[in-house]
Protein backbone atom coordinates (compact mmCIF):
# COMPACT_ATOMS: atom_id res chain seq x y z
CA UNK A 1 -12.16 -65.40 116.62
CA UNK A 2 -13.38 -62.36 118.52
CA UNK A 3 -15.61 -62.69 121.58
CA UNK A 4 -17.95 -59.74 122.00
CA UNK A 5 -21.33 -59.16 123.60
CA UNK A 6 -23.57 -57.87 120.85
CA UNK A 7 -27.23 -57.90 119.85
CA UNK A 8 -28.40 -59.58 116.70
CA UNK A 9 -29.55 -58.25 113.36
CA UNK A 10 -31.15 -59.07 110.06
CA UNK A 11 -30.14 -57.98 106.61
CA UNK A 12 -30.58 -54.27 106.17
CA UNK A 13 -31.76 -52.30 103.15
CA UNK A 14 -28.57 -51.61 101.23
CA UNK A 15 -28.92 -50.64 97.58
CA UNK A 16 -28.14 -53.79 95.59
CA UNK A 17 -26.10 -54.00 92.42
CA UNK A 18 -27.60 -53.76 89.00
CA UNK A 19 -26.12 -54.14 85.55
CA UNK A 20 -22.30 -54.12 85.50
CA UNK A 21 -21.83 -52.94 89.06
CA UNK A 22 -21.79 -55.29 92.02
CA UNK A 23 -22.39 -53.79 95.43
CA UNK A 24 -19.65 -51.21 95.83
CA UNK A 25 -19.21 -51.57 99.54
CA UNK A 26 -15.65 -51.58 100.87
CA UNK A 27 -15.01 -51.90 104.59
CA UNK A 28 -12.34 -53.22 106.93
CA UNK A 29 -13.07 -55.80 109.62
CA UNK A 30 -12.62 -54.90 113.24
CA UNK A 31 -14.17 -55.19 116.67
CA UNK A 32 -13.74 -51.91 118.52
CA UNK A 33 -16.76 -52.02 120.75
CA UNK A 34 -18.02 -49.49 123.26
CA UNK A 35 -18.98 -50.74 126.74
CA UNK A 36 -22.51 -52.08 127.04
CA UNK A 37 -25.19 -50.88 129.39
CA UNK A 38 -27.09 -53.14 131.77
CA UNK A 39 -30.01 -54.81 130.02
CA UNK A 40 -33.51 -53.73 130.98
CA UNK A 41 -36.06 -56.38 131.96
CA UNK A 42 -38.15 -57.71 129.10
CA UNK A 43 -41.87 -57.15 128.83
CA UNK A 44 -44.13 -60.08 129.58
CA UNK A 45 -45.96 -59.69 126.26
CA UNK A 46 -45.09 -62.24 123.59
CA UNK A 47 -43.44 -60.56 120.59
CA UNK A 48 -45.29 -60.55 117.28
CA UNK A 49 -44.09 -61.92 113.97
CA UNK A 50 -41.41 -59.54 112.76
CA UNK A 51 -43.55 -58.25 109.88
CA UNK A 52 -47.17 -58.29 111.18
CA UNK A 53 -47.84 -54.63 112.01
CA UNK A 54 -51.53 -54.93 112.88
CA UNK A 55 -51.38 -58.27 114.69
CA UNK A 56 -53.95 -60.03 112.51
CA UNK A 57 -51.71 -63.03 111.86
CA UNK A 58 -50.88 -62.13 108.26
CA UNK A 59 -47.41 -60.80 107.37
CA UNK A 60 -47.31 -57.38 105.75
CA UNK A 61 -44.80 -55.97 103.26
CA UNK A 62 -43.02 -52.63 103.06
CA UNK A 63 -41.85 -51.20 99.74
CA UNK A 64 -39.87 -47.94 99.69
CA UNK A 65 -39.39 -45.06 97.28
CA UNK A 66 -36.45 -43.28 98.94
CA UNK A 67 -36.28 -40.65 96.17
CA UNK A 68 -39.97 -39.70 96.33
CA UNK A 69 -41.03 -36.07 96.49
CA UNK A 70 -43.11 -35.31 99.59
CA UNK A 71 -44.75 -31.90 100.14
CA UNK A 72 -42.66 -30.51 97.31
CA UNK A 73 -39.39 -31.74 98.81
CA UNK A 74 -37.50 -33.79 96.22
CA UNK A 75 -35.87 -36.93 97.54
CA UNK A 76 -37.59 -36.70 100.93
CA UNK A 77 -38.60 -40.36 100.61
CA UNK A 78 -41.61 -42.46 101.56
CA UNK A 79 -42.52 -46.07 102.35
CA UNK A 80 -45.61 -47.96 101.24
CA UNK A 81 -47.08 -50.61 103.56
CA UNK A 82 -49.31 -53.30 102.03
CA UNK A 83 -51.20 -55.27 104.68
CA UNK A 84 -51.67 -59.01 104.39
CA UNK A 85 -55.07 -60.70 104.72
CA UNK A 86 -56.87 -63.95 103.95
CA UNK A 87 -57.06 -62.63 100.39
CA UNK A 88 -53.39 -61.72 100.24
CA UNK A 89 -52.01 -58.28 99.50
CA UNK A 90 -53.89 -55.44 97.86
CA UNK A 91 -53.19 -51.81 97.06
CA UNK A 92 -56.58 -51.10 98.63
CA UNK A 93 -55.16 -52.22 102.00
CA UNK A 94 -52.12 -49.99 102.00
CA UNK A 95 -50.81 -46.86 103.62
CA UNK A 96 -47.98 -44.44 102.89
CA UNK A 97 -45.66 -43.34 105.68
CA UNK A 98 -43.30 -40.38 105.39
CA UNK A 99 -41.91 -37.69 107.62
CA UNK A 100 -44.93 -35.64 106.64
CA UNK A 101 -47.28 -38.24 108.19
CA UNK A 102 -49.01 -37.40 111.45
CA UNK A 103 -47.07 -38.56 114.48
CA UNK A 104 -43.83 -39.26 112.60
CA UNK A 105 -40.86 -37.30 113.98
CA UNK A 106 -39.04 -34.75 111.86
CA UNK A 107 -40.17 -33.20 108.60
CA UNK A 108 -40.04 -34.19 104.95
CA UNK A 109 -36.97 -32.39 103.63
CA UNK A 110 -35.05 -32.41 100.38
CA UNK A 111 -32.75 -35.43 99.97
CA UNK A 112 -33.53 -37.08 103.35
CA UNK A 113 -34.07 -40.44 101.58
CA UNK A 114 -36.51 -41.68 104.22
CA UNK A 115 -36.93 -45.39 103.46
CA UNK A 116 -33.46 -45.96 102.01
CA UNK A 117 -33.25 -48.80 104.53
CA UNK A 118 -36.05 -50.61 106.34
CA UNK A 119 -36.42 -53.49 108.79
CA UNK A 120 -39.07 -54.67 111.21
CA UNK A 121 -39.58 -56.44 114.54
CA UNK A 122 -41.71 -56.14 117.67
CA UNK A 123 -39.28 -53.80 119.44
CA UNK A 124 -41.44 -52.99 122.48
CA UNK A 125 -42.93 -56.51 122.75
CA UNK A 126 -46.54 -55.39 122.73
CA UNK A 127 -47.61 -58.07 120.24
CA UNK A 128 -47.36 -55.85 117.15
CA UNK A 129 -44.40 -55.60 114.80
CA UNK A 130 -42.83 -52.16 114.43
CA UNK A 131 -41.19 -50.62 111.36
CA UNK A 132 -37.62 -49.29 111.48
CA UNK A 133 -36.81 -46.73 108.77
CA UNK A 134 -33.47 -45.19 107.88
CA UNK A 135 -33.06 -41.70 106.39
CA UNK A 136 -29.28 -41.74 105.92
CA UNK A 137 -28.82 -38.41 104.16
CA UNK A 138 -30.98 -36.40 106.52
CA UNK A 139 -29.32 -33.32 108.03
CA UNK A 140 -29.36 -33.56 111.84
CA UNK A 141 -28.20 -30.82 114.19
CA UNK A 142 -26.93 -28.77 111.27
CA UNK A 143 -24.72 -31.63 110.02
CA UNK A 144 -25.41 -32.64 106.42
CA UNK A 145 -25.95 -36.35 105.81
CA UNK A 146 -25.63 -37.18 109.47
CA UNK A 147 -28.64 -39.47 109.11
CA UNK A 148 -31.24 -40.87 111.44
CA UNK A 149 -33.46 -43.84 112.18
CA UNK A 150 -37.19 -43.69 112.94
CA UNK A 151 -39.32 -46.35 114.61
CA UNK A 152 -42.97 -46.40 113.47
CA UNK A 153 -45.09 -48.27 115.98
CA UNK A 154 -47.43 -51.11 115.10
CA UNK A 155 -50.87 -51.52 116.64
CA UNK A 156 -54.34 -52.94 116.09
CA UNK A 157 -55.00 -50.40 113.34
CA UNK A 158 -51.60 -50.85 111.73
CA UNK A 159 -48.64 -48.48 111.76
CA UNK A 160 -49.03 -45.07 113.38
CA UNK A 161 -46.91 -42.66 115.37
CA UNK A 162 -43.22 -43.01 115.95
CA UNK A 163 -40.02 -41.98 117.64
CA UNK A 164 -36.37 -41.46 116.78
CA UNK A 165 -34.25 -44.50 117.60
CA UNK A 166 -31.51 -43.90 120.16
CA UNK A 167 -31.02 -40.30 119.07
CA UNK A 168 -28.14 -39.66 121.47
CA UNK A 169 -26.05 -42.40 119.84
CA UNK A 170 -26.09 -40.97 116.29
CA UNK A 171 -22.51 -40.30 115.12
CA UNK A 172 -21.60 -36.61 115.09
CA UNK A 173 -20.25 -36.46 111.55
CA UNK A 174 -21.68 -36.89 108.06
CA UNK A 175 -21.86 -40.65 108.53
CA UNK A 176 -25.22 -41.50 106.91
CA UNK A 177 -26.47 -43.23 110.05
CA UNK A 178 -29.26 -45.57 108.96
CA UNK A 179 -27.74 -46.50 105.63
CA UNK A 180 -28.40 -50.16 106.49
CA UNK A 181 -30.68 -51.77 109.08
CA UNK A 182 -31.32 -55.20 110.50
CA UNK A 183 -33.23 -56.92 113.29
CA UNK A 184 -32.97 -60.27 115.05
CA UNK A 185 -32.64 -61.93 118.46
CA UNK A 186 -29.01 -62.99 118.88
CA UNK A 187 -29.16 -64.14 122.52
CA UNK A 188 -32.55 -65.87 122.32
CA UNK A 189 -34.17 -63.81 125.09
CA UNK A 190 -37.25 -63.05 122.99
CA UNK A 191 -36.43 -59.35 122.67
CA UNK A 192 -35.44 -58.37 119.12
CA UNK A 193 -32.28 -56.35 118.65
CA UNK A 194 -31.41 -53.77 115.98
CA UNK A 195 -28.25 -53.22 113.96
CA UNK A 196 -27.73 -49.84 112.28
CA UNK A 197 -25.03 -49.36 109.66
CA UNK A 198 -23.40 -46.11 108.63
CA UNK A 199 -20.38 -44.96 106.66
CA UNK A 200 -18.42 -44.45 109.87
CA UNK A 201 -19.36 -47.34 112.16
CA UNK A 202 -21.89 -50.07 112.89
CA UNK A 203 -24.19 -49.78 115.91
CA UNK A 204 -25.82 -52.69 117.74
CA UNK A 205 -28.80 -52.02 120.00
CA UNK A 206 -30.08 -54.71 122.35
CA UNK A 207 -33.81 -54.99 122.99
CA UNK A 208 -36.29 -54.54 124.41
CA UNK A 209 -36.87 -50.90 123.45
CA UNK A 210 -38.92 -48.23 125.16
CA UNK A 211 -41.47 -46.08 123.38
CA UNK A 212 -38.95 -43.25 123.71
CA UNK A 213 -36.64 -45.21 121.39
CA UNK A 214 -34.14 -46.23 124.05
CA UNK A 215 -32.45 -49.63 123.91
CA UNK A 216 -31.47 -51.87 126.81
CA UNK A 217 -27.84 -51.68 125.64
CA UNK A 218 -25.73 -50.17 122.88
CA UNK A 219 -22.40 -51.20 121.32
CA UNK A 220 -20.34 -49.59 118.58
CA UNK A 221 -18.18 -51.46 116.11
CA UNK A 222 -16.12 -48.58 114.75
CA UNK A 223 -14.27 -50.62 112.14
CA UNK A 224 -17.32 -52.12 110.39
CA UNK A 225 -18.32 -49.27 108.11
CA UNK A 226 -15.21 -47.20 108.70
CA UNK A 227 -14.18 -47.30 105.04
CA UNK A 228 -17.31 -45.62 103.81
CA UNK A 229 -20.27 -48.01 103.52
CA UNK A 230 -22.84 -49.67 105.76
CA UNK A 231 -22.71 -53.37 106.50
CA UNK A 232 -25.52 -55.70 105.40
CA UNK A 233 -26.89 -58.04 108.08
CA UNK A 234 -28.93 -61.23 107.94
CA UNK A 235 -30.03 -63.29 110.93
CA UNK A 236 -31.41 -66.74 111.60
CA UNK A 237 -30.81 -69.85 113.68
CA UNK A 238 -28.07 -71.87 111.97
CA UNK A 239 -27.36 -74.27 114.85
CA UNK A 240 -30.80 -74.94 116.36
CA UNK A 241 -30.04 -73.41 119.76
CA UNK A 242 -33.02 -71.03 119.68
CA UNK A 243 -30.91 -67.90 119.22
CA UNK A 244 -30.24 -66.15 115.94
CA UNK A 245 -26.80 -66.10 114.44
CA UNK A 246 -26.01 -62.70 113.00
CA UNK A 247 -24.19 -62.77 109.67
CA UNK A 248 -22.49 -59.53 108.68
CA UNK A 249 -21.63 -58.79 105.06
CA UNK A 250 -19.31 -55.76 104.96
CA UNK A 251 -18.99 -55.82 101.19
CA UNK A 252 -15.92 -56.09 98.97
CA UNK A 253 -12.50 -55.24 100.36
CA UNK A 254 -9.12 -55.05 98.66
CA UNK A 255 -8.17 -58.32 100.34
CA UNK A 256 -11.51 -59.98 99.61
CA UNK A 257 -13.24 -58.55 96.50
CA UNK A 258 -16.03 -61.11 96.89
CA UNK A 259 -16.92 -59.74 100.32
CA UNK A 260 -16.00 -61.35 103.67
CA UNK A 261 -18.66 -63.19 105.67
CA UNK A 262 -18.65 -62.76 109.46
CA UNK A 263 -20.79 -64.85 111.80
CA UNK A 264 -21.74 -63.84 115.36
CA UNK A 265 -22.91 -66.81 117.45
CA UNK A 266 -24.17 -66.45 121.05
CA UNK A 267 -22.13 -68.67 123.38
CA UNK A 268 -21.79 -68.43 127.13
CA UNK A 269 -23.36 -65.01 127.48
CA UNK A 270 -21.58 -63.30 124.60
CA UNK A 271 -21.45 -63.27 120.82
CA UNK A 272 -18.44 -65.07 119.37
CA UNK A 273 -17.46 -63.73 115.97
CA UNK A 274 -15.76 -65.86 113.35
CA UNK A 275 -14.98 -65.38 109.69
CA UNK A 276 -16.48 -67.98 107.38
CA UNK A 277 -13.34 -68.79 105.44
CA UNK A 278 -13.69 -69.30 101.68
CA UNK A 279 -17.15 -67.72 101.69
CA UNK A 280 -18.03 -64.65 99.62
CA UNK A 281 -21.23 -62.65 99.58
CA UNK A 282 -22.75 -59.20 99.57
CA UNK A 283 -26.39 -60.25 100.01
CA UNK A 284 -27.85 -63.07 102.07
CA UNK A 285 -30.85 -64.83 103.60
CA UNK A 286 -31.24 -67.68 106.08
CA UNK A 287 -33.85 -70.42 105.67
CA UNK A 288 -34.16 -74.18 105.99
CA UNK A 289 -33.83 -75.29 102.37
CA UNK A 290 -33.31 -79.00 103.14
CA UNK A 291 -35.93 -79.32 105.87
CA UNK A 292 -33.59 -80.66 108.55
CA UNK A 293 -34.59 -78.10 111.18
CA UNK A 294 -31.44 -75.98 110.89
CA UNK A 295 -31.23 -72.68 109.07
CA UNK A 296 -29.02 -72.57 105.99
CA UNK A 297 -27.09 -69.49 104.85
CA UNK A 298 -27.70 -68.47 101.24
CA UNK A 299 -25.27 -65.86 99.91
CA UNK A 300 -25.43 -63.80 96.74
CA UNK A 301 -22.34 -62.80 94.77
CA UNK A 302 -23.61 -60.72 91.85
CA UNK A 303 -20.23 -59.33 90.75
CA UNK A 304 -18.31 -60.43 87.68
CA UNK A 305 -14.79 -61.86 88.03
CA UNK A 306 -14.08 -60.93 84.41
CA UNK A 307 -15.06 -57.30 84.92
CA UNK A 308 -12.16 -55.05 85.99
CA UNK A 309 -14.68 -52.65 87.53
CA UNK A 310 -15.59 -55.32 90.10
CA UNK A 311 -12.03 -56.43 90.85
CA UNK A 312 -13.12 -60.01 91.54
CA UNK A 313 -10.94 -62.99 90.78
CA UNK A 314 -13.40 -65.62 92.03
CA UNK A 315 -17.04 -66.43 91.40
CA UNK A 316 -18.90 -66.75 88.12
CA UNK A 317 -19.56 -64.41 85.23
CA UNK A 318 -23.06 -63.08 85.69
CA UNK A 319 -23.02 -63.82 89.42
CA UNK A 320 -23.68 -66.86 91.59
CA UNK A 321 -25.43 -68.04 94.75
CA UNK A 322 -23.78 -70.24 97.36
CA UNK A 323 -25.46 -72.23 100.14
CA UNK A 324 -23.72 -73.05 103.43
CA UNK A 325 -25.70 -75.63 105.37
CA UNK A 326 -26.46 -75.28 109.07
CA UNK A 327 -26.16 -78.11 111.59
CA UNK A 328 -26.09 -78.72 115.35
CA UNK A 329 -22.69 -77.05 115.69
CA UNK A 330 -23.48 -74.36 113.15
CA UNK A 331 -22.00 -74.07 109.68
CA UNK A 332 -19.27 -76.60 109.02
CA UNK A 333 -16.61 -74.67 107.06
CA UNK A 334 -15.10 -77.99 105.95
CA UNK A 335 -18.28 -78.87 104.06
CA UNK A 336 -18.18 -77.47 100.56
CA UNK A 337 -21.07 -75.13 99.84
CA UNK A 338 -23.54 -75.69 97.04
CA UNK A 339 -22.90 -73.30 94.13
CA UNK A 340 -25.71 -72.28 91.80
CA UNK A 341 -25.59 -70.11 88.71
CA UNK A 342 -27.46 -69.56 85.48
CA UNK A 343 -26.95 -72.19 82.81
CA UNK A 344 -25.88 -74.90 85.25
CA UNK A 345 -27.72 -77.71 87.07
CA UNK A 346 -31.03 -76.98 85.39
CA UNK A 347 -31.10 -73.25 86.16
CA UNK A 348 -32.44 -71.37 83.11
CA UNK A 349 -30.47 -68.74 81.29
CA UNK A 350 -26.72 -68.29 80.99
CA UNK A 351 -24.25 -66.29 83.02
CA UNK A 352 -23.46 -63.10 81.14
CA UNK A 353 -21.45 -60.07 82.09
CA UNK A 354 -23.65 -57.70 84.07
CA UNK A 355 -26.56 -60.06 84.83
CA UNK A 356 -26.01 -59.52 88.58
CA UNK A 357 -27.53 -62.89 89.56
CA UNK A 358 -27.77 -62.77 93.36
CA UNK A 359 -28.27 -59.01 93.73
CA UNK A 360 -31.26 -59.80 95.95
CA UNK A 361 -32.50 -62.95 97.67
CA UNK A 362 -35.73 -64.07 99.30
CA UNK A 363 -36.46 -67.27 101.20
CA UNK A 364 -39.72 -69.06 102.04
CA UNK A 365 -41.71 -72.22 101.40
CA UNK A 366 -43.62 -71.38 98.21
CA UNK A 367 -45.23 -74.81 97.72
CA UNK A 368 -45.91 -75.95 101.29
CA UNK A 369 -43.63 -79.00 101.18
CA UNK A 370 -41.84 -78.08 104.41
CA UNK A 371 -38.65 -76.95 102.74
CA UNK A 372 -37.78 -73.35 102.02
CA UNK A 373 -37.30 -72.18 98.45
CA UNK A 374 -35.19 -69.24 97.29
CA UNK A 375 -35.93 -66.49 94.80
CA UNK A 376 -32.92 -64.83 93.20
CA UNK A 377 -33.04 -61.34 91.72
CA UNK A 378 -31.27 -60.84 88.37
CA UNK A 379 -31.91 -57.13 87.68
CA UNK A 380 -29.19 -56.82 85.03
CA UNK A 381 -30.62 -59.59 82.86
CA UNK A 382 -31.26 -58.58 79.24
CA UNK A 383 -34.65 -59.79 78.00
CA UNK A 384 -34.48 -59.89 74.22
CA UNK A 385 -33.26 -56.49 73.10
CA UNK A 386 -34.28 -54.84 76.39
CA UNK A 387 -31.07 -54.30 78.32
CA UNK A 388 -31.24 -54.59 82.11
CA UNK A 389 -34.95 -55.34 81.98
CA UNK A 390 -34.30 -57.84 84.74
CA UNK A 391 -35.86 -61.03 86.00
CA UNK A 392 -35.99 -63.46 88.90
CA UNK A 393 -35.11 -67.15 89.18
CA UNK A 394 -37.08 -69.43 91.51
CA UNK A 395 -35.02 -72.24 93.07
CA UNK A 396 -36.58 -75.17 94.91
CA UNK A 397 -35.59 -76.58 98.26
CA UNK A 398 -35.24 -80.37 98.56
CA UNK A 399 -34.10 -83.05 100.98
CA UNK A 400 -30.61 -82.67 99.52
CA UNK A 401 -30.71 -78.89 99.70
CA UNK A 402 -31.25 -76.04 97.27
CA UNK A 403 -31.31 -77.28 93.72
CA UNK A 404 -31.62 -76.11 90.16
CA UNK A 405 -34.01 -78.97 89.38
CA UNK A 406 -37.38 -77.46 88.55
CA UNK A 407 -36.00 -73.90 88.59
CA UNK A 408 -38.03 -71.25 86.80
CA UNK A 409 -37.20 -67.85 85.37
CA UNK A 410 -39.85 -65.12 85.55
CA UNK A 411 -39.67 -61.72 83.90
CA UNK A 412 -42.02 -59.21 82.30
CA UNK A 413 -42.16 -61.09 79.03
CA UNK A 414 -43.33 -64.23 80.86
CA UNK A 415 -46.92 -65.09 79.98
CA UNK A 416 -49.27 -63.83 82.70
CA UNK A 417 -46.86 -61.21 84.05
CA UNK A 418 -48.15 -57.65 83.71
CA UNK A 419 -46.19 -55.13 81.71
CA UNK A 420 -43.41 -55.78 79.24
CA UNK A 421 -39.66 -56.11 79.54
CA UNK A 422 -38.17 -52.69 78.86
CA UNK A 423 -34.79 -51.05 79.12
CA UNK A 424 -33.68 -50.53 82.73
CA UNK A 425 -36.84 -51.81 84.42
CA UNK A 426 -34.56 -53.64 86.88
CA UNK A 427 -37.20 -56.28 87.62
CA UNK A 428 -35.70 -58.20 90.57
CA UNK A 429 -33.67 -55.40 92.10
CA UNK A 430 -35.35 -56.47 95.34
CA UNK A 431 -37.26 -59.66 96.14
CA UNK A 432 -39.07 -61.06 99.16
CA UNK A 433 -40.98 -64.25 100.06
CA UNK A 434 -43.61 -64.31 102.83
CA UNK A 435 -47.01 -65.96 103.37
CA UNK A 436 -49.34 -62.94 103.17
CA UNK A 437 -52.62 -64.91 102.94
CA UNK A 438 -51.97 -67.58 105.57
CA UNK A 439 -52.33 -70.59 103.27
CA UNK A 440 -48.97 -72.06 104.26
CA UNK A 441 -47.25 -71.06 101.03
CA UNK A 442 -44.97 -68.06 100.67
CA UNK A 443 -45.91 -65.35 98.19
CA UNK A 444 -43.50 -63.34 96.05
CA UNK A 445 -42.87 -59.60 95.99
CA UNK A 446 -40.53 -58.17 93.35
CA UNK A 447 -39.23 -54.62 93.19
CA UNK A 448 -39.19 -53.04 89.72
CA UNK A 449 -37.73 -49.59 90.49
CA UNK A 450 -37.11 -48.56 86.87
CA UNK A 451 -40.63 -49.37 85.61
CA UNK A 452 -42.32 -46.45 83.82
CA UNK A 453 -39.79 -44.01 85.29
CA UNK A 454 -41.62 -44.23 88.63
CA UNK A 455 -41.11 -47.72 90.01
CA UNK A 456 -43.50 -50.51 90.91
CA UNK A 457 -43.74 -53.64 93.01
CA UNK A 458 -45.05 -56.90 91.55
CA UNK A 459 -46.83 -59.54 93.63
CA UNK A 460 -47.58 -63.21 92.96
CA UNK A 461 -49.02 -65.95 95.17
CA UNK A 462 -47.60 -69.28 96.24
CA UNK A 463 -49.39 -72.50 95.26
CA UNK A 464 -49.00 -76.27 95.46
CA UNK A 465 -46.61 -76.01 92.54
CA UNK A 466 -44.78 -72.94 93.80
CA UNK A 467 -45.18 -69.32 92.70
CA UNK A 468 -47.98 -68.82 90.20
CA UNK A 469 -48.50 -65.82 87.93
CA UNK A 470 -52.26 -66.40 88.00
CA UNK A 471 -53.78 -63.41 89.76
CA UNK A 472 -50.45 -61.59 89.95
CA UNK A 473 -50.61 -57.79 90.04
CA UNK A 474 -48.45 -54.70 90.25
CA UNK A 475 -48.59 -51.60 92.43
CA UNK A 476 -46.97 -48.54 90.88
CA UNK A 477 -45.99 -45.25 92.43
CA UNK A 478 -48.32 -43.16 90.27
CA UNK A 479 -51.39 -44.91 91.69
CA UNK A 480 -50.52 -44.05 95.30
CA UNK A 481 -51.12 -40.89 97.29
CA UNK A 482 -48.91 -39.19 99.85
CA UNK A 483 -45.90 -38.68 97.59
CA UNK A 484 -44.91 -38.01 94.00
CA UNK A 485 -42.56 -40.18 92.00
CA UNK A 486 -40.55 -37.70 89.92
CA UNK A 487 -38.36 -40.53 88.73
CA UNK A 488 -37.66 -44.23 89.22
CA UNK A 489 -37.45 -45.69 92.69
CA UNK A 490 -40.48 -47.54 94.12
CA UNK A 491 -39.28 -51.08 94.77
CA UNK A 492 -35.67 -50.06 95.25
CA UNK A 493 -35.99 -51.20 98.89
CA UNK A 494 -38.22 -53.93 100.33
CA UNK A 495 -38.16 -54.67 104.05
CA UNK A 496 -36.72 -58.15 104.67
């Protein structure tokens, strides 16, 4: 194990796999860390929920179109914020943020890809969540694809104004800084931390943050990301100690085509990093699926062991999800994980080459029974003759853990779902569960980036029986102002 003092993080916005390709992220593990600065004192204000930008008590959702045209600049990128309320989400309560928006640093430029990664947390501890946005291919200081990260500040009226995050720490080369992002509180001090991935290194910033974008401390892991891709991060409390564990998913390596799983746990004033042996995953979420008070780690492995393009020798054709259960001492590697896949244990469908089951994951209690449920994105699923139309599978939490009993498949040919399953819709490329109307049941957001060659997000409410399609609706790029969708993309990224 490696003992390092690092801040925490939450899964960033990496582009997930679709169709035949699993996430093509290859990195080597290492722990070359720069010295840390002395932490600044925390603010006395209680931090807000990580996704409530206007402080009204209802979580909001952020859906990106990183290839959007803004002010005539193709691929400049934009993010759409839909605000929660007692009535749930609505396109009428939304705003578009780009680098052409008032108060946002920089300018909308060709191929910046603003919104290619997003995350959120109350960085300055003023009681309002803030939005963190990556623009990994932005040219900075004359260096192409150097990349950058912008913080857009929350407030009573929602998101407005911003700053560049830790500008002096951006790598000097064409590293695509901001390719992945994550937030979380690894040391339990109440100040969220930020992890930024790039193609050259991974950067960990300890909160709290100033309005100038400066962190209390900064550390560089120069090996994570050094082989050319950002690392995905998910955070949550797996051992019940009040501090988040940070789980890093570097993506497939030659030695581990399924993707190694690294866990940072705060012990004795530092983060202790271990490798979760026998675990594979390129996507992940943490939630309490068995209701025992400890977070459980749910990992997605969408790649195909039978596909030479993926290079995997383990896993299941069509992809699989594994669940590692948390406990007082954290995850017990001796306890076999639960393995879930299509066509097994009551889960509808069948595992087929290219389904990409597990490309995206969302966790939340959709039926209010006190146990978290999981939604699994299957963007490569063929629906009838429509190849890669995509779908999602809803899995229920139970006292014995995540189960296929009562599982449901939802796609655009499901009765009550708007639209129709069409070639390359990629319904399920991104998914998210959160309680946007405050009724105690998580609601579902699904990214459909290929829909109508513009991209859409689809939204459905939770109910006593779980997610219901009654009243479900879509928000498509063409109905929004502030950017132009010249091609697919809205729903490619959804803030976790």
